[in-house]
Every structure is written in structure tokens, then in C-alpha cells.
Amino acid sequence: MATPSRPVPVLFRPFKGGPVVKHILLIGFGLVMLYPLLWMISSSLKPEELIFREPGLWPSQVTFDNYTAGWTALKHPFGYYLWNSAVVTALSVVANLVACSLAAYAFARLNFPLKKLWFAIMLGTIMLPHHVVIVPQYIMFSKLDLINTIWPLVMPKVLATDAFFVFLMVQFIRTLPRELDEAAEIDGAGYWRIFIRVVMPLCLPALATTAIFTFIWTWNDFLSQLLYLNNPDNFTVPVALRTFLDASSDSQWGPMFAMSIIALGPIFGFFLAGQKYLIRGVATTGLK
């Protein structure tokens, strides 16, 4: 004879409207996160005198004058600064992909003296705040006469100083079967051929994750670019946007919001193009 099941207390019974409430909360949270972006888009379409007089999202007057004025407001057209940012970002992405993948392959597959110690030191650098090393880096690049060039922004990437990406790729390469390497060795392949022909094609999600994060962080980086780029001819987008604000006179809020919207375009495009690989990379490298 089956024993009757005990009644479930009311508080522990599943709520039938749970999914609906969950979706409403998620939509509300998403709108809160998007509000600053929506407000900036709305402000870029308002006459400048109405931006702070009408703080709502829906503009009473719509104008594109901020976009035309902002494009030509600085010494060069704003496309000039977009190109400067694109050059710095592209070089940083390529340098990070090459240098970090080589370092990760060495830590994941090769044997060399004090390997665990070097790996622990590399991981320890992740905990160092960027502001701790920026002063000695500035002194070093100043003595090398590289201030006011793009090389202080790119050279650290060439030297695989972004330990986070090295760690990410090490974790991914360790998940690849070693039998693939051994089969390639039997066919006469050396380390370089195994790295290029076997390991790299399988690391596409990790490479895409590294490329996307490097692109976003470099494109949005303000402090380093402000520190090393003093000539207006070398300004990138974040530094150029700062020049719309002037503490001693009227700031050009409308043109700055309009150019900020344009500056977000490359980030959205690059992220949307690589989001499929980004999700796979995050899922397979244990970054969740």
C-alpha cells in the first residue's frame, strides 16, 4: 500500500507566474542598464540648449546639427581620430593574439626549467593594478624617446604582458587532446608546425575571445592614451572626445554626445561579428 505524500507547504510550492515575473525583472534590469545609452542617443538629437533643460528621453525637437558640428569641430575631421584609434586597436589585437598564443602554448605544452614558477609569477601580475606600473612604464618609454607615439600603447602587447589572455589560452589549450600533438610528431612535425597547423586552428574560440576583449579595452582606453599622446595629430577617439569639454569656457555637450554615439559603432560591430565565438570561448575556458 502506497503511503500518502506529505503536502508541500504553501511557501515552497512553485509559483505558476514565475517565468513571467522573471522576464519582467530581466526586462526592467535591461532597461535600467540601457538608460544611459538611450539618454545619450536622445541628447545627441536635441538642440544643445535643450539637453539639460529637457532631461527626458523623448526630444521635443529633433536635429542632426550636433553630428555635422561635431564631425568638424576639432582640428581634424572626426574620421581622422577614428582612423588613429583603428590603427592602435588593430596593432594591439594582432600583437596580443600572436604573443599571448605563443606564451600560452609554451606554458601548456612545452617543458622548460622553472615552468611552474614562471607561470605563478605570470598569474601574480594579474593582481597588479595598472596604475602601479604606469609610472615606471612612462619613465622607461620617455628614456626610449617614444612619448607621443603609438608604440607605448602597442609594445606591451607584443611582449605578452596581458597575463589574463595568456591564462585564458593556457586553459583552452590544456583541454585539447595531447594525442593530436603526438600524432603530428610521428608525422615529423616540430613545435612550430604543431603550433600553427594543429593547435591554432582548434583555438579559434579562445582567439576570438582575446580579440574581442582586446578590441574593446584598447578602443575605450583613456588613461594610457591621454598619458602618451600629447600631439593633437596623434589623438585617438577617447582623447579627442575629451577636447569637446573645456573647463574655462562653454563645453560642446551636443557634438560630444553625437561623436560618442559614432565612436560606439565599431565596438558594436566587432562584438556582434564575434559574439558566437566569444560565448564558446567563455564556456570552454572556464571564465563563467
C-alpha atoms as a PDB file:
ATOM      1  CA  MET A   1       0.000   0.000   0.000  1.00  0.00           C
ATOM      2  CA  ALA A   2       1.457   3.300  -1.087  1.00  0.00           C
ATOM      3  CA  THR A   3       1.982   5.875   1.631  1.00  0.00           C
ATOM      4  CA  PRO A   4       0.274   9.227   1.001  1.00  0.00           C
ATOM      5  CA  SER A   5       2.681  12.019   0.076  1.00  0.00           C
ATOM      6  CA  ARG A   6       3.070  14.845   2.566  1.00  0.00           C
ATOM      7  CA  PRO A   7       1.506  18.144   1.487  1.00  0.00           C
ATOM      8  CA  VAL A   8       4.029  20.740   0.316  1.00  0.00           C
ATOM      9  CA  PRO A   9       3.930  23.982   2.362  1.00  0.00           C
ATOM     10  CA  VAL A  10       2.450  26.929   0.510  1.00  0.00           C
ATOM     11  CA  LEU A  11       5.717  28.892   0.644  1.00  0.00           C
ATOM     12  CA  PHE A  12       7.607  26.085  -1.162  1.00  0.00           C
ATOM     13  CA  ARG A  13       5.059  25.439  -3.903  1.00  0.00           C
ATOM     14  CA  PRO A  14       6.241  26.528  -7.415  1.00  0.00           C
ATOM     15  CA  PHE A  15       4.786  29.865  -8.440  1.00  0.00           C
ATOM     16  CA  LYS A  16       2.927  29.495 -11.744  1.00  0.00           C
ATOM     17  CA  GLY A  17       3.740  33.013 -12.834  1.00  0.00           C
ATOM     18  CA  GLY A  18       7.448  32.613 -12.040  1.00  0.00           C
ATOM     19  CA  PRO A  19       8.737  32.781 -15.667  1.00  0.00           C
ATOM     20  CA  VAL A  20       6.623  35.876 -16.347  1.00  0.00           C
ATOM     21  CA  VAL A  21       7.940  37.659 -13.259  1.00  0.00           C
ATOM     22  CA  LYS A  22      11.484  36.593 -14.151  1.00  0.00           C
ATOM     23  CA  HIS A  23      11.157  38.051 -17.654  1.00  0.00           C
ATOM     24  CA  ILE A  24       9.643  41.282 -16.339  1.00  0.00           C
ATOM     25  CA  LEU A  25      12.541  41.684 -13.893  1.00  0.00           C
ATOM     26  CA  LEU A  26      15.094  40.956 -16.614  1.00  0.00           C
ATOM     27  CA  ILE A  27      13.473  43.456 -19.000  1.00  0.00           C
ATOM     28  CA  GLY A  28      13.372  46.078 -16.252  1.00  0.00           C
ATOM     29  CA  PHE A  29      17.020  45.451 -15.364  1.00  0.00           C
ATOM     30  CA  GLY A  30      17.966  45.647 -19.052  1.00  0.00           C
ATOM     31  CA  LEU A  31      16.171  48.982 -19.459  1.00  0.00           C
ATOM     32  CA  VAL A  32      17.971  50.357 -16.396  1.00  0.00           C
ATOM     33  CA  MET A  33      21.320  49.272 -17.889  1.00  0.00           C
ATOM     34  CA  LEU A  34      20.424  50.781 -21.276  1.00  0.00           C
ATOM     35  CA  TYR A  35      19.096  54.076 -19.893  1.00  0.00           C
ATOM     36  CA  PRO A  36      22.438  55.987 -20.040  1.00  0.00           C
ATOM     37  CA  LEU A  37      22.924  54.916 -23.675  1.00  0.00           C
ATOM     38  CA  LEU A  38      19.346  55.820 -24.616  1.00  0.00           C
ATOM     39  CA  TRP A  39      19.697  59.193 -22.873  1.00  0.00           C
ATOM     40  CA  MET A  40      22.920  59.907 -24.775  1.00  0.00           C
ATOM     41  CA  ILE A  41      21.279  58.998 -28.108  1.00  0.00           C
ATOM     42  CA  SER A  42      18.326  61.231 -27.266  1.00  0.00           C
ATOM     43  CA  SER A  43      20.598  64.101 -26.191  1.00  0.00           C
ATOM     44  CA  SER A  44      22.623  63.859 -29.394  1.00  0.00           C
ATOM     45  CA  LEU A  45      19.407  64.566 -31.351  1.00  0.00           C
ATOM     46  CA  LYS A  46      18.344  67.609 -29.291  1.00  0.00           C
ATOM     47  CA  PRO A  47      19.359  71.240 -29.798  1.00  0.00           C
ATOM     48  CA  GLU A  48      22.226  71.879 -27.392  1.00  0.00           C
ATOM     49  CA  GLU A  49      20.235  74.380 -25.284  1.00  0.00           C
ATOM     50  CA  LEU A  50      17.573  71.703 -24.569  1.00  0.00           C
ATOM     51  CA  ILE A  51      19.891  68.878 -23.468  1.00  0.00           C
ATOM     52  CA  PHE A  52      19.837  69.691 -19.757  1.00  0.00           C
ATOM     53  CA  ARG A  53      16.600  71.710 -19.844  1.00  0.00           C
ATOM     54  CA  GLU A  54      14.621  68.644 -21.001  1.00  0.00           C
ATOM     55  CA  PRO A  55      16.272  65.615 -19.355  1.00  0.00           C
ATOM     56  CA  GLY A  56      13.646  63.157 -20.627  1.00  0.00           C
ATOM     57  CA  LEU A  57      14.307  60.541 -23.288  1.00  0.00           C
ATOM     58  CA  TRP A  58      11.821  61.849 -25.858  1.00  0.00           C
ATOM     59  CA  PRO A  59      13.139  65.051 -27.525  1.00  0.00           C
ATOM     60  CA  SER A  60      10.650  67.833 -28.235  1.00  0.00           C
ATOM     61  CA  GLN A  61      12.804  68.907 -31.195  1.00  0.00           C
ATOM     62  CA  VAL A  62      14.939  66.619 -33.349  1.00  0.00           C
ATOM     63  CA  THR A  63      18.024  67.910 -35.125  1.00  0.00           C
ATOM     64  CA  PHE A  64      21.173  66.388 -36.636  1.00  0.00           C
ATOM     65  CA  ASP A  65      23.192  69.585 -36.245  1.00  0.00           C
ATOM     66  CA  ASN A  66      25.208  68.040 -33.391  1.00  0.00           C
ATOM     67  CA  TYR A  67      26.521  65.345 -35.772  1.00  0.00           C
ATOM     68  CA  THR A  68      27.544  67.788 -38.512  1.00  0.00           C
ATOM     69  CA  ALA A  69      29.013  70.253 -35.995  1.00  0.00           C
ATOM     70  CA  GLY A  70      30.851  67.566 -34.024  1.00  0.00           C
ATOM     71  CA  TRP A  71      32.403  65.965 -37.124  1.00  0.00           C
ATOM     72  CA  THR A  72      34.246  69.186 -37.994  1.00  0.00           C
ATOM     73  CA  ALA A  73      34.567  70.826 -34.553  1.00  0.00           C
ATOM     74  CA  LEU A  74      38.162  69.798 -33.864  1.00  0.00           C
ATOM     75  CA  LYS A  75      41.454  70.382 -35.689  1.00  0.00           C
ATOM     76  CA  HIS A  76      40.825  67.373 -37.947  1.00  0.00           C
ATOM     77  CA  PRO A  77      37.534  65.765 -39.036  1.00  0.00           C
ATOM     78  CA  PHE A  78      36.408  63.182 -36.509  1.00  0.00           C
ATOM     79  CA  GLY A  79      37.120  60.400 -39.010  1.00  0.00           C
ATOM     80  CA  TYR A  80      40.817  61.218 -38.582  1.00  0.00           C
ATOM     81  CA  TYR A  81      40.640  60.248 -34.893  1.00  0.00           C
ATOM     82  CA  LEU A  82      38.611  57.150 -35.703  1.00  0.00           C
ATOM     83  CA  TRP A  83      41.408  56.078 -38.036  1.00  0.00           C
ATOM     84  CA  ASN A  84      44.062  56.696 -35.335  1.00  0.00           C
ATOM     85  CA  SER A  85      42.078  54.558 -32.891  1.00  0.00           C
ATOM     86  CA  ALA A  86      41.613  51.865 -35.540  1.00  0.00           C
ATOM     87  CA  VAL A  87      45.384  51.679 -36.163  1.00  0.00           C
ATOM     88  CA  VAL A  88      46.242  51.426 -32.451  1.00  0.00           C
ATOM     89  CA  THR A  89      43.486  48.888 -31.824  1.00  0.00           C
ATOM     90  CA  ALA A  90      44.306  46.706 -34.852  1.00  0.00           C
ATOM     91  CA  LEU A  91      48.013  46.563 -33.949  1.00  0.00           C
ATOM     92  CA  SER A  92      47.145  45.758 -30.332  1.00  0.00           C
ATOM     93  CA  VAL A  93      44.778  42.943 -31.329  1.00  0.00           C
ATOM     94  CA  VAL A  94      47.299  41.339 -33.704  1.00  0.00           C
ATOM     95  CA  ALA A  95      50.145  41.705 -31.191  1.00  0.00           C
ATOM     96  CA  ASN A  96      48.072  40.237 -28.362  1.00  0.00           C
ATOM     97  CA  LEU A  97      46.919  37.271 -30.468  1.00  0.00           C
ATOM     98  CA  VAL A  98      50.441  36.361 -31.596  1.00  0.00           C
ATOM     99  CA  ALA A  99      52.310  36.991 -28.335  1.00  0.00           C
ATOM    100  CA  CYS A 100      49.720  35.551 -25.929  1.00  0.00           C
ATOM    101  CA  SER A 101      49.123  32.427 -28.026  1.00  0.00           C
ATOM    102  CA  LEU A 102      52.876  31.712 -28.200  1.00  0.00           C
ATOM    103  CA  ALA A 103      53.276  32.181 -24.434  1.00  0.00           C
ATOM    104  CA  ALA A 104      50.195  30.066 -23.731  1.00  0.00           C
ATOM    105  CA  TYR A 105      51.412  27.236 -25.976  1.00  0.00           C
ATOM    106  CA  ALA A 106      54.739  27.200 -24.136  1.00  0.00           C
ATOM    107  CA  PHE A 107      53.067  27.025 -20.712  1.00  0.00           C
ATOM    108  CA  ALA A 108      50.500  24.434 -21.808  1.00  0.00           C
ATOM    109  CA  ARG A 109      52.587  22.064 -23.912  1.00  0.00           C
ATOM    110  CA  LEU A 110      56.353  22.573 -23.540  1.00  0.00           C
ATOM    111  CA  ASN A 111      58.657  21.620 -20.689  1.00  0.00           C
ATOM    112  CA  PHE A 112      61.336  24.069 -19.554  1.00  0.00           C
ATOM    113  CA  PRO A 113      63.129  24.827 -16.278  1.00  0.00           C
ATOM    114  CA  LEU A 114      61.072  26.543 -13.540  1.00  0.00           C
ATOM    115  CA  LYS A 115      57.937  26.373 -15.674  1.00  0.00           C
ATOM    116  CA  LYS A 116      55.551  26.369 -12.684  1.00  0.00           C
ATOM    117  CA  LEU A 117      57.400  29.273 -11.050  1.00  0.00           C
ATOM    118  CA  TRP A 118      57.244  31.411 -14.196  1.00  0.00           C
ATOM    119  CA  PHE A 119      53.558  30.557 -14.587  1.00  0.00           C
ATOM    120  CA  ALA A 120      52.856  31.556 -10.967  1.00  0.00           C
ATOM    121  CA  ILE A 121      54.721  34.846 -11.462  1.00  0.00           C
ATOM    122  CA  MET A 122      52.745  35.464 -14.633  1.00  0.00           C
ATOM    123  CA  LEU A 123      49.473  34.862 -12.770  1.00  0.00           C
ATOM    124  CA  GLY A 124      50.650  37.163  -9.971  1.00  0.00           C
ATOM    125  CA  THR A 125      50.925  40.059 -12.418  1.00  0.00           C
ATOM    126  CA  ILE A 126      47.155  39.850 -12.969  1.00  0.00           C
ATOM    127  CA  MET A 127      46.670  41.177  -9.432  1.00  0.00           C
ATOM    128  CA  LEU A 128      48.865  44.245 -10.058  1.00  0.00           C
ATOM    129  CA  PRO A 129      46.703  47.336 -10.696  1.00  0.00           C
ATOM    130  CA  HIS A 130      47.503  49.107 -13.955  1.00  0.00           C
ATOM    131  CA  HIS A 131      48.184  52.333 -12.067  1.00  0.00           C
ATOM    132  CA  VAL A 132      51.081  50.684 -10.199  1.00  0.00           C
ATOM    133  CA  VAL A 133      53.107  50.054 -13.344  1.00  0.00           C
ATOM    134  CA  ILE A 134      52.093  53.040 -15.451  1.00  0.00           C
ATOM    135  CA  VAL A 135      54.634  55.427 -13.844  1.00  0.00           C
ATOM    136  CA  PRO A 136      57.709  53.172 -14.362  1.00  0.00           C
ATOM    137  CA  GLN A 137      56.453  52.386 -17.857  1.00  0.00           C
ATOM    138  CA  TYR A 138      56.183  56.092 -18.628  1.00  0.00           C
ATOM    139  CA  ILE A 139      59.748  56.699 -17.393  1.00  0.00           C
ATOM    140  CA  MET A 140      61.033  53.788 -19.496  1.00  0.00           C
ATOM    141  CA  PHE A 141      59.273  54.925 -22.695  1.00  0.00           C
ATOM    142  CA  SER A 142      60.359  58.508 -22.039  1.00  0.00           C
ATOM    143  CA  LYS A 143      64.019  57.423 -21.918  1.00  0.00           C
ATOM    144  CA  LEU A 144      63.452  55.499 -25.158  1.00  0.00           C
ATOM    145  CA  ASP A 145      62.081  58.748 -26.691  1.00  0.00           C
ATOM    146  CA  LEU A 146      58.785  57.032 -27.608  1.00  0.00           C
ATOM    147  CA  ILE A 147      56.419  59.505 -25.907  1.00  0.00           C
ATOM    148  CA  ASN A 148      53.847  60.966 -28.286  1.00  0.00           C
ATOM    149  CA  THR A 149      53.953  57.893 -30.497  1.00  0.00           C
ATOM    150  CA  ILE A 150      51.666  54.869 -30.605  1.00  0.00           C
ATOM    151  CA  TRP A 151      54.442  52.445 -29.598  1.00  0.00           C
ATOM    152  CA  PRO A 152      53.973  52.746 -25.790  1.00  0.00           C
ATOM    153  CA  LEU A 153      50.398  51.562 -26.411  1.00  0.00           C
ATOM    154  CA  VAL A 154      51.361  48.646 -28.671  1.00  0.00           C
ATOM    155  CA  MET A 155      54.746  47.394 -27.416  1.00  0.00           C
ATOM    156  CA  PRO A 156      53.402  45.893 -24.146  1.00  0.00           C
ATOM    157  CA  LYS A 157      51.054  43.759 -26.264  1.00  0.00           C
ATOM    158  CA  VAL A 158      53.999  42.458 -28.312  1.00  0.00           C
ATOM    159  CA  LEU A 159      55.643  41.299 -25.073  1.00  0.00           C
ATOM    160  CA  ALA A 160      52.523  39.375 -23.911  1.00  0.00           C
ATOM    161  CA  THR A 161      52.068  41.474 -20.787  1.00  0.00           C
ATOM    162  CA  ASP A 162      48.314  40.803 -20.714  1.00  0.00           C
ATOM    163  CA  ALA A 163      48.544  37.795 -18.414  1.00  0.00           C
ATOM    164  CA  PHE A 164      44.766  37.405 -18.395  1.00  0.00           C
ATOM    165  CA  PHE A 165      44.747  36.392 -22.061  1.00  0.00           C
ATOM    166  CA  VAL A 166      47.757  34.083 -21.607  1.00  0.00           C
ATOM    167  CA  PHE A 167      45.919  32.326 -18.786  1.00  0.00           C
ATOM    168  CA  LEU A 168      42.734  32.115 -20.875  1.00  0.00           C
ATOM    169  CA  MET A 169      44.564  30.435 -23.761  1.00  0.00           C
ATOM    170  CA  VAL A 170      46.516  28.109 -21.462  1.00  0.00           C
ATOM    171  CA  GLN A 171      43.239  26.861 -20.046  1.00  0.00           C
ATOM    172  CA  PHE A 172      41.867  26.285 -23.538  1.00  0.00           C
ATOM    173  CA  ILE A 173      44.969  24.538 -24.936  1.00  0.00           C
ATOM    174  CA  ARG A 174      45.057  22.202 -21.927  1.00  0.00           C
ATOM    175  CA  THR A 175      41.613  20.912 -22.963  1.00  0.00           C
ATOM    176  CA  LEU A 176      42.922  19.832 -26.387  1.00  0.00           C
ATOM    177  CA  PRO A 177      43.902  16.121 -26.617  1.00  0.00           C
ATOM    178  CA  ARG A 178      47.659  15.573 -26.454  1.00  0.00           C
ATOM    179  CA  GLU A 179      47.206  12.690 -28.888  1.00  0.00           C
ATOM    180  CA  LEU A 180      46.900  15.280 -31.655  1.00  0.00           C
ATOM    181  CA  ASP A 181      50.380  16.597 -30.835  1.00  0.00           C
ATOM    182  CA  GLU A 182      51.793  13.075 -30.626  1.00  0.00           C
ATOM    183  CA  ALA A 183      50.273  12.116 -33.975  1.00  0.00           C
ATOM    184  CA  ALA A 184      51.787  15.221 -35.556  1.00  0.00           C
ATOM    185  CA  GLU A 185      55.194  14.403 -34.010  1.00  0.00           C
ATOM    186  CA  ILE A 186      55.048  10.897 -35.519  1.00  0.00           C
ATOM    187  CA  ASP A 187      54.470  12.560 -38.911  1.00  0.00           C
ATOM    188  CA  GLY A 188      57.652  14.579 -38.362  1.00  0.00           C
ATOM    189  CA  ALA A 189      56.142  17.887 -37.268  1.00  0.00           C
ATOM    190  CA  GLY A 190      58.142  20.116 -34.930  1.00  0.00           C
ATOM    191  CA  TYR A 191      56.909  22.551 -32.291  1.00  0.00           C
ATOM    192  CA  TRP A 192      56.265  25.382 -34.764  1.00  0.00           C
ATOM    193  CA  ARG A 193      54.309  23.194 -37.188  1.00  0.00           C
ATOM    194  CA  ILE A 194      52.239  21.671 -34.369  1.00  0.00           C
ATOM    195  CA  PHE A 195      51.534  25.168 -33.026  1.00  0.00           C
ATOM    196  CA  ILE A 196      50.487  26.593 -36.409  1.00  0.00           C
ATOM    197  CA  ARG A 197      48.831  23.570 -38.063  1.00  0.00           C
ATOM    198  CA  VAL A 198      47.293  21.719 -35.080  1.00  0.00           C
ATOM    199  CA  VAL A 199      46.830  23.937 -32.026  1.00  0.00           C
ATOM    200  CA  MET A 200      45.917  27.325 -33.507  1.00  0.00           C
ATOM    201  CA  PRO A 201      43.055  26.106 -35.747  1.00  0.00           C
ATOM    202  CA  LEU A 202      41.452  24.486 -32.686  1.00  0.00           C
ATOM    203  CA  CYS A 203      41.891  27.639 -30.562  1.00  0.00           C
ATOM    204  CA  LEU A 204      39.541  29.796 -32.616  1.00  0.00           C
ATOM    205  CA  PRO A 205      37.045  30.451 -29.731  1.00  0.00           C
ATOM    206  CA  ALA A 206      39.869  31.482 -27.367  1.00  0.00           C
ATOM    207  CA  LEU A 207      41.463  33.652 -30.058  1.00  0.00           C
ATOM    208  CA  ALA A 208      38.111  35.314 -30.795  1.00  0.00           C
ATOM    209  CA  THR A 209      37.567  35.988 -27.077  1.00  0.00           C
ATOM    210  CA  THR A 210      41.033  37.536 -26.808  1.00  0.00           C
ATOM    211  CA  ALA A 211      40.478  39.646 -29.929  1.00  0.00           C
ATOM    212  CA  ILE A 212      37.091  40.971 -28.767  1.00  0.00           C
ATOM    213  CA  PHE A 213      38.237  41.900 -25.260  1.00  0.00           C
ATOM    214  CA  THR A 214      41.469  43.462 -26.584  1.00  0.00           C
ATOM    215  CA  PHE A 215      39.478  45.466 -29.138  1.00  0.00           C
ATOM    216  CA  ILE A 216      37.012  46.795 -26.564  1.00  0.00           C
ATOM    217  CA  TRP A 217      39.597  47.568 -23.879  1.00  0.00           C
ATOM    218  CA  THR A 218      42.016  49.264 -26.294  1.00  0.00           C
ATOM    219  CA  TRP A 219      39.318  51.249 -28.127  1.00  0.00           C
ATOM    220  CA  ASN A 220      37.901  52.553 -24.820  1.00  0.00           C
ATOM    221  CA  ASP A 221      41.250  53.063 -23.072  1.00  0.00           C
ATOM    222  CA  PHE A 222      41.524  56.693 -21.998  1.00  0.00           C
ATOM    223  CA  LEU A 223      44.244  56.972 -19.328  1.00  0.00           C
ATOM    224  CA  SER A 224      47.144  55.433 -21.267  1.00  0.00           C
ATOM    225  CA  GLN A 225      46.303  57.265 -24.482  1.00  0.00           C
ATOM    226  CA  LEU A 226      45.920  60.574 -22.621  1.00  0.00           C
ATOM    227  CA  LEU A 227      49.289  59.987 -20.940  1.00  0.00           C
ATOM    228  CA  TYR A 228      51.320  59.060 -24.023  1.00  0.00           C
ATOM    229  CA  LEU A 229      49.627  61.077 -26.810  1.00  0.00           C
ATOM    230  CA  ASN A 230      50.113  64.844 -26.429  1.00  0.00           C
ATOM    231  CA  ASN A 231      50.147  65.979 -30.052  1.00  0.00           C
ATOM    232  CA  PRO A 232      46.603  66.614 -31.429  1.00  0.00           C
ATOM    233  CA  ASP A 233      47.699  64.953 -34.677  1.00  0.00           C
ATOM    234  CA  ASN A 234      48.085  61.657 -32.753  1.00  0.00           C
ATOM    235  CA  PHE A 235      44.887  61.861 -30.704  1.00  0.00           C
ATOM    236  CA  THR A 236      42.637  58.811 -30.640  1.00  0.00           C
ATOM    237  CA  VAL A 237      38.862  58.838 -30.143  1.00  0.00           C
ATOM    238  CA  PRO A 238      38.790  58.908 -26.290  1.00  0.00           C
ATOM    239  CA  VAL A 239      41.328  61.749 -26.140  1.00  0.00           C
ATOM    240  CA  ALA A 240      39.604  63.647 -28.956  1.00  0.00           C
ATOM    241  CA  LEU A 241      36.244  63.394 -27.156  1.00  0.00           C
ATOM    242  CA  ARG A 242      37.818  64.992 -24.095  1.00  0.00           C
ATOM    243  CA  THR A 243      38.658  68.114 -26.103  1.00  0.00           C
ATOM    244  CA  PHE A 244      34.912  68.845 -26.513  1.00  0.00           C
ATOM    245  CA  LEU A 245      34.896  69.663 -22.777  1.00  0.00           C
ATOM    246  CA  ASP A 246      36.550  72.874 -21.693  1.00  0.00           C
ATOM    247  CA  ALA A 247      36.590  73.890 -18.041  1.00  0.00           C
ATOM    248  CA  SER A 248      37.418  77.520 -18.888  1.00  0.00           C
ATOM    249  CA  SER A 249      34.633  78.080 -21.453  1.00  0.00           C
ATOM    250  CA  ASP A 250      31.429  76.502 -22.740  1.00  0.00           C
ATOM    251  CA  SER A 251      31.610  72.760 -23.324  1.00  0.00           C
ATOM    252  CA  GLN A 252      30.137  71.330 -26.525  1.00  0.00           C
ATOM    253  CA  TRP A 253      27.869  68.691 -24.987  1.00  0.00           C
ATOM    254  CA  GLY A 254      25.712  68.035 -28.038  1.00  0.00           C
ATOM    255  CA  PRO A 255      28.587  67.426 -30.505  1.00  0.00           C
ATOM    256  CA  MET A 256      30.370  65.318 -27.876  1.00  0.00           C
ATOM    257  CA  PHE A 257      27.314  63.072 -27.395  1.00  0.00           C
ATOM    258  CA  ALA A 258      26.904  62.776 -31.178  1.00  0.00           C
ATOM    259  CA  MET A 259      30.548  61.771 -31.724  1.00  0.00           C
ATOM    260  CA  SER A 260      30.326  59.382 -28.748  1.00  0.00           C
ATOM    261  CA  ILE A 261      27.460  57.585 -30.494  1.00  0.00           C
ATOM    262  CA  ILE A 262      29.542  57.311 -33.675  1.00  0.00           C
ATOM    263  CA  ALA A 263      32.509  56.018 -31.633  1.00  0.00           C
ATOM    264  CA  LEU A 264      30.355  53.190 -30.265  1.00  0.00           C
ATOM    265  CA  GLY A 265      29.682  51.845 -33.764  1.00  0.00           C
ATOM    266  CA  PRO A 266      32.941  49.898 -34.259  1.00  0.00           C
ATOM    267  CA  ILE A 267      32.596  48.260 -30.826  1.00  0.00           C
ATOM    268  CA  PHE A 268      29.051  47.068 -31.507  1.00  0.00           C
ATOM    269  CA  GLY A 269      30.001  45.839 -34.968  1.00  0.00           C
ATOM    270  CA  PHE A 270      33.074  43.919 -33.763  1.00  0.00           C
ATOM    271  CA  PHE A 271      31.172  42.423 -30.829  1.00  0.00           C
ATOM    272  CA  LEU A 272      28.210  41.326 -32.947  1.00  0.00           C
ATOM    273  CA  ALA A 273      30.542  39.768 -35.530  1.00  0.00           C
ATOM    274  CA  GLY A 274      32.379  37.690 -32.916  1.00  0.00           C
ATOM    275  CA  GLN A 275      29.799  37.068 -30.187  1.00  0.00           C
ATOM    276  CA  LYS A 276      29.275  33.433 -31.272  1.00  0.00           C
ATOM    277  CA  TYR A 277      32.957  32.653 -30.733  1.00  0.00           C
ATOM    278  CA  LEU A 278      33.011  34.765 -27.554  1.00  0.00           C
ATOM    279  CA  ILE A 279      30.310  32.620 -25.921  1.00  0.00           C
ATOM    280  CA  ARG A 280      32.083  29.413 -26.944  1.00  0.00           C
ATOM    281  CA  GLY A 281      35.396  30.764 -25.668  1.00  0.00           C
ATOM    282  CA  VAL A 282      33.970  31.787 -22.293  1.00  0.00           C
ATOM    283  CA  ALA A 283      32.178  28.431 -21.938  1.00  0.00           C
ATOM    284  CA  THR A 284      35.229  26.312 -22.806  1.00  0.00           C
ATOM    285  CA  THR A 285      37.864  28.239 -20.843  1.00  0.00           C
ATOM    286  CA  GLY A 286      36.042  28.231 -17.503  1.00  0.00           C
ATOM    287  CA  LEU A 287      35.576  32.017 -17.289  1.00  0.00           C
ATOM    288  CA  LYS A 288      31.918  31.720 -16.282  1.00  0.00           C
END
